[in-house]
C-alpha atoms as a PDB file:
ATOM      1  CA  MET A   1      94.280  73.029 105.788  1.00  0.00           C
ATOM      2  CA  PRO A   2      92.888  76.100 106.341  1.00  0.00           C
ATOM      3  CA  VAL A   3      93.219  78.955 103.952  1.00  0.00           C
ATOM      4  CA  LEU A   4      95.659  82.041 105.411  1.00  0.00           C
ATOM      5  CA  HIS A   5      95.209  85.364 104.496  1.00  0.00           C
ATOM      6  CA  ARG A   6      97.977  87.700 104.576  1.00  0.00           C
ATOM      7  CA  PRO A   7      99.176  91.306 102.620  1.00  0.00           C
ATOM      8  CA  ALA A   8     101.136  91.195  99.542  1.00  0.00           C
ATOM      9  CA  THR A   9     104.552  91.589  98.373  1.00  0.00           C
ATOM     10  CA  PRO A  10     106.593  93.245  95.881  1.00  0.00           C
ATOM     11  CA  ASN A  11     108.171  89.018  96.473  1.00  0.00           C
ATOM     12  CA  ASP A  12     104.401  87.770  95.364  1.00  0.00           C
ATOM     13  CA  ALA A  13     103.954  89.454  92.141  1.00  0.00           C
ATOM     14  CA  ALA A  14     105.608  86.476  90.191  1.00  0.00           C
ATOM     15  CA  ALA A  15     103.406  84.309  92.065  1.00  0.00           C
ATOM     16  CA  LEU A  16     100.905  86.508  91.732  1.00  0.00           C
ATOM     17  CA  ALA A  17     101.512  87.312  87.646  1.00  0.00           C
ATOM     18  CA  ASP A  18     101.047  83.517  86.693  1.00  0.00           C
ATOM     19  CA  ILE A  19      97.438  83.199  88.431  1.00  0.00           C
ATOM     20  CA  LEU A  20      96.535  86.063  86.531  1.00  0.00           C
ATOM     21  CA  ASN A  21      98.415  84.696  83.038  1.00  0.00           C
ATOM     22  CA  ASP A  22      96.225  81.683  83.777  1.00  0.00           C
ATOM     23  CA  ILE A  23      93.262  82.952  83.867  1.00  0.00           C
ATOM     24  CA  ILE A  24      93.458  85.051  80.738  1.00  0.00           C
ATOM     25  CA  ARG A  25      95.122  82.183  78.988  1.00  0.00           C
ATOM     26  CA  ALA A  26      91.773  80.356  79.563  1.00  0.00           C
ATOM     27  CA  GLY A  27      90.107  83.430  78.644  1.00  0.00           C
ATOM     28  CA  GLY A  28      86.366  83.716  79.993  1.00  0.00           C
ATOM     29  CA  THR A  29      86.303  85.356  83.183  1.00  0.00           C
ATOM     30  CA  THR A  30      88.470  88.272  83.349  1.00  0.00           C
ATOM     31  CA  ALA A  31      88.490  92.123  81.451  1.00  0.00           C
ATOM     32  CA  HIS A  32      92.411  91.534  81.733  1.00  0.00           C
ATOM     33  CA  GLN A  33      93.048  90.527  77.994  1.00  0.00           C
ATOM     34  CA  SER A  34      96.930  90.525  78.256  1.00  0.00           C
ATOM     35  CA  GLU A  35      99.301  88.851  80.731  1.00  0.00           C
ATOM     36  CA  PHE A  36     101.450  90.504  83.444  1.00  0.00           C
ATOM     37  CA  THR A  37     105.190  90.069  83.905  1.00  0.00           C
ATOM     38  CA  SER A  38     106.556  90.731  87.402  1.00  0.00           C
ATOM     39  CA  ASP A  39     106.461  94.206  87.151  1.00  0.00           C
ATOM     40  CA  ARG A  40     103.511  94.460  85.525  1.00  0.00           C
ATOM     41  CA  MET A  41     102.276  92.787  88.320  1.00  0.00           C
ATOM     42  CA  ALA A  42     103.821  94.999  91.010  1.00  0.00           C
ATOM     43  CA  ARG A  43     102.450  98.295  89.880  1.00  0.00           C
ATOM     44  CA  HIS A  44      99.131  97.015  88.877  1.00  0.00           C
ATOM     45  CA  TYR A  45      98.085  95.480  91.876  1.00  0.00           C
ATOM     46  CA  ILE A  46     100.912  95.537  95.090  1.00  0.00           C
ATOM     47  CA  ASP A  47     102.076  98.867  94.457  1.00  0.00           C
ATOM     48  CA  ARG A  48      99.892 100.696  93.640  1.00  0.00           C
ATOM     49  CA  ALA A  49      99.837 104.490  94.637  1.00  0.00           C
ATOM     50  CA  GLY A  50      95.703 103.847  94.693  1.00  0.00           C
ATOM     51  CA  THR A  51      95.697 100.129  96.817  1.00  0.00           C
ATOM     52  CA  VAL A  52      93.856 100.347  99.546  1.00  0.00           C
ATOM     53  CA  SER A  53      94.984  96.844 100.323  1.00  0.00           C
ATOM     54  CA  CYS A  54      96.299  93.614  97.896  1.00  0.00           C
ATOM     55  CA  THR A  55      95.748  90.324  99.911  1.00  0.00           C
ATOM     56  CA  VAL A  56      97.406  86.660  99.117  1.00  0.00           C
ATOM     57  CA  ALA A  57      95.488  83.736  99.834  1.00  0.00           C
ATOM     58  CA  GLU A  58      97.763  80.658 100.583  1.00  0.00           C
ATOM     59  CA  LEU A  59      96.028  76.971 100.861  1.00  0.00           C
ATOM     60  CA  ASP A  60      98.577  74.472 102.224  1.00  0.00           C
ATOM     61  CA  GLY A  61     101.926  76.922 101.869  1.00  0.00           C
ATOM     62  CA  GLU A  62     101.096  77.658  98.128  1.00  0.00           C
ATOM     63  CA  VAL A  63      99.844  81.308  96.581  1.00  0.00           C
ATOM     64  CA  ALA A  64      96.611  80.563  95.960  1.00  0.00           C
ATOM     65  CA  GLY A  65      94.735  83.502  95.156  1.00  0.00           C
ATOM     66  CA  PHE A  66      94.672  87.131  95.466  1.00  0.00           C
ATOM     67  CA  GLN A  67      92.615  89.951  96.162  1.00  0.00           C
ATOM     68  CA  ALA A  68      93.117  93.941  95.566  1.00  0.00           C
ATOM     69  CA  LEU A  69      91.058  97.065  96.985  1.00  0.00           C
ATOM     70  CA  MET A  70      91.758 100.400  94.897  1.00  0.00           C
ATOM     71  CA  TRP A  71      90.567 103.866  95.298  1.00  0.00           C
ATOM     72  CA  PRO A  72      89.193 104.449  91.456  1.00  0.00           C
ATOM     73  CA  ASP A  73      91.615 106.734  89.906  1.00  0.00           C
ATOM     74  CA  GLU A  74      91.691 106.110  85.768  1.00  0.00           C
ATOM     75  CA  GLU A  75      89.772 107.626  83.478  1.00  0.00           C
ATOM     76  CA  GLY A  76      86.758 106.193  82.665  1.00  0.00           C
ATOM     77  CA  GLN A  77      85.841 105.223  86.501  1.00  0.00           C
ATOM     78  CA  PRO A  78      83.395 108.173  87.972  1.00  0.00           C
ATOM     79  CA  PHE A  79      82.757 107.124  91.651  1.00  0.00           C
ATOM     80  CA  PRO A  80      81.251 108.333  94.279  1.00  0.00           C
ATOM     81  CA  ASP A  81      83.917 109.028  96.998  1.00  0.00           C
ATOM     82  CA  GLY A  82      84.474 106.306  99.060  1.00  0.00           C
ATOM     83  CA  TRP A  83      83.669 104.147  97.198  1.00  0.00           C
ATOM     84  CA  ALA A  84      86.775 101.485  96.300  1.00  0.00           C
ATOM     85  CA  ILE A  85      87.216  98.738  93.543  1.00  0.00           C
ATOM     86  CA  ILE A  86      87.931  95.025  94.173  1.00  0.00           C
ATOM     87  CA  ALA A  87      89.318  92.870  92.168  1.00  0.00           C
ATOM     88  CA  THR A  88      89.904  88.540  92.629  1.00  0.00           C
ATOM     89  CA  PHE A  89      91.804  85.855  90.753  1.00  0.00           C
ATOM     90  CA  VAL A  90      91.553  82.420  92.317  1.00  0.00           C
ATOM     91  CA  ASP A  91      94.265  79.252  91.102  1.00  0.00           C
ATOM     92  CA  GLU A  92      91.968  77.024  89.117  1.00  0.00           C
ATOM     93  CA  LYS A  93      93.175  74.111  91.269  1.00  0.00           C
ATOM     94  CA  ALA A  94      92.663  75.971  94.302  1.00  0.00           C
ATOM     95  CA  SER A  95      89.134  76.948  93.208  1.00  0.00           C
ATOM     96  CA  GLY A  96      86.202  75.481  95.538  1.00  0.00           C
ATOM     97  CA  GLN A  97      88.064  75.526  98.934  1.00  0.00           C
ATOM     98  CA  GLY A  98      86.954  78.281 100.767  1.00  0.00           C
ATOM     99  CA  VAL A  99      89.970  80.802  99.173  1.00  0.00           C
ATOM    100  CA  GLY A 100      87.739  83.493  98.039  1.00  0.00           C
ATOM    101  CA  ARG A 101      86.360  83.806 101.333  1.00  0.00           C
ATOM    102  CA  ALA A 102      89.476  83.383 103.129  1.00  0.00           C
ATOM    103  CA  LEU A 103      90.170  86.888 100.770  1.00  0.00           C
ATOM    104  CA  PHE A 104      87.642  89.094 101.910  1.00  0.00           C
ATOM    105  CA  GLN A 105      88.444  88.865 105.136  1.00  0.00           C
ATOM    106  CA  GLY A 106      91.037  90.251 104.957  1.00  0.00           C
ATOM    107  CA  THR A 107      90.520  92.844 102.272  1.00  0.00           C
ATOM    108  CA  ARG A 108      86.771  94.136 104.139  1.00  0.00           C
ATOM    109  CA  ALA A 109      88.945  94.649 107.129  1.00  0.00           C
ATOM    110  CA  ALA A 110      91.459  96.897 105.212  1.00  0.00           C
ATOM    111  CA  ALA A 111      88.257  98.371 103.255  1.00  0.00           C
ATOM    112  CA  VAL A 112      87.077  99.376 107.243  1.00  0.00           C
ATOM    113  CA  LEU A 113      90.568 100.494 108.461  1.00  0.00           C
ATOM    114  CA  ASN A 114      90.622 102.507 105.297  1.00  0.00           C
ATOM    115  CA  GLY A 115      87.465 104.366 104.854  1.00  0.00           C
ATOM    116  CA  VAL A 116      86.034 102.464 102.456  1.00  0.00           C
ATOM    117  CA  LYS A 117      82.255 103.297 101.919  1.00  0.00           C
ATOM    118  CA  THR A 118      81.333 100.766  99.365  1.00  0.00           C
ATOM    119  CA  ILE A 119      83.130  98.893  97.273  1.00  0.00           C
ATOM    120  CA  ASP A 120      82.062  97.993  93.570  1.00  0.00           C
ATOM    121  CA  ALA A 121      82.597  94.426  91.622  1.00  0.00           C
ATOM    122  CA  THR A 122      82.473  95.026  88.379  1.00  0.00           C
ATOM    123  CA  ILE A 123      82.171  91.288  86.374  1.00  0.00           C
ATOM    124  CA  ARG A 124      81.479  90.054  82.640  1.00  0.00           C
ATOM    125  CA  ALA A 125      78.562  88.663  83.027  1.00  0.00           C
ATOM    126  CA  ASP A 126      79.838  85.621  81.351  1.00  0.00           C
ATOM    127  CA  ASN A 127      81.942  84.942  84.417  1.00  0.00           C
ATOM    128  CA  THR A 128      79.467  83.251  86.089  1.00  0.00           C
ATOM    129  CA  GLY A 129      81.439  81.783  88.426  1.00  0.00           C
ATOM    130  CA  GLY A 130      82.688  85.538  89.478  1.00  0.00           C
ATOM    131  CA  LEU A 131      79.328  86.505  89.722  1.00  0.00           C
ATOM    132  CA  ALA A 132      77.796  83.602  92.186  1.00  0.00           C
ATOM    133  CA  TYR A 133      81.104  84.526  94.223  1.00  0.00           C
ATOM    134  CA  TYR A 134      80.734  88.675  95.170  1.00  0.00           C
ATOM    135  CA  ASP A 135      76.901  87.500  95.139  1.00  0.00           C
ATOM    136  CA  SER A 136      77.882  84.983  98.405  1.00  0.00           C
ATOM    137  CA  LEU A 137      79.333  88.226  99.791  1.00  0.00           C
ATOM    138  CA  GLY A 138      76.612  89.626  99.844  1.00  0.00           C
ATOM    139  CA  PHE A 139      77.099  92.107  96.944  1.00  0.00           C
ATOM    140  CA  ALA A 140      74.373  93.666  94.875  1.00  0.00           C
ATOM    141  CA  ASP A 141      73.635  94.261  91.504  1.00  0.00           C
ATOM    142  CA  TYR A 142      73.790  98.271  90.550  1.00  0.00           C
ATOM    143  CA  ASP A 143      73.987  99.015  87.128  1.00  0.00           C
ATOM    144  CA  VAL A 144      75.006  97.352  83.727  1.00  0.00           C
ATOM    145  CA  LEU A 145      77.459  98.459  81.352  1.00  0.00           C
ATOM    146  CA  ARG A 146      76.336  97.014  77.439  1.00  0.00           C
ATOM    147  CA  ALA A 147      78.436  95.870  74.675  1.00  0.00           C
ATOM    148  CA  VAL A 148      81.900  96.205  76.064  1.00  0.00           C
ATOM    149  CA  PRO A 149      83.735  95.350  73.648  1.00  0.00           C
ATOM    150  CA  LEU A 150      87.495  92.805  73.606  1.00  0.00           C
ATOM    151  CA  ARG A 151      90.186  92.719  71.789  1.00  0.00           C
ATOM    152  CA  ASP A 152      89.093  89.814  69.918  1.00  0.00           C
ATOM    153  CA  GLY A 153      85.332  91.812  68.341  1.00  0.00           C
ATOM    154  CA  ARG A 154      83.326  90.019  70.699  1.00  0.00           C
ATOM    155  CA  ASN A 155      81.310  92.312  73.324  1.00  0.00           C
ATOM    156  CA  VAL A 156      80.152  91.550  76.126  1.00  0.00           C
ATOM    157  CA  ASP A 157      78.018  92.993  78.988  1.00  0.00           C
ATOM    158  CA  ARG A 158      79.062  93.992  82.535  1.00  0.00           C
ATOM    159  CA  ILE A 159      77.397  93.133  85.519  1.00  0.00           C
ATOM    160  CA  ARG A 160      78.237  95.797  88.512  1.00  0.00           C
ATOM    161  CA  LYS A 161      77.787  95.032  91.747  1.00  0.00           C
ATOM    162  CA  ARG A 162      78.347  97.145  95.272  1.00  0.00           C
ATOM    163  CA  LEU A 163      78.393  96.184  98.452  1.00  0.00           C
ATOM    164  CA  ASP A 164      78.298  99.444 101.632  1.00  0.00           C
ATOM    165  CA  ILE A 165      80.970  98.559 104.045  1.00  0.00           C
END
């Protein structure tokens, strides 16, 4: 069955939080270290003032992942005008089934529609799957943030990738 993609709604918040919380609990791939409630998910990704798009993928009628594209607005995110930040989360059970590619179809269209010039993907260096995913979409390395501390005291580099639209 094909992977379908659509804009996220507040009604998706619980399913998206479940996907992200499973990834957080597994560890090793996301910069997020605290679990999300439905309300926090809606505020952070779906209804955030700086959200360009939040796209949901469905596989066999079930939410299988989501991808958010946001304008940078937090301290510590100094980007040039026209840059947006991408975040992708796929349910482990749906990995390798085209969910990420389907998500990016919706995200790329929203980027073009909203005047995004460049998309930044900043990924933990130990997230080999995430690095390969963004490489497969045409993202190129442009910087490394060295030894970013995690809550457990470990330091992990972050690889910064970009895609010019």
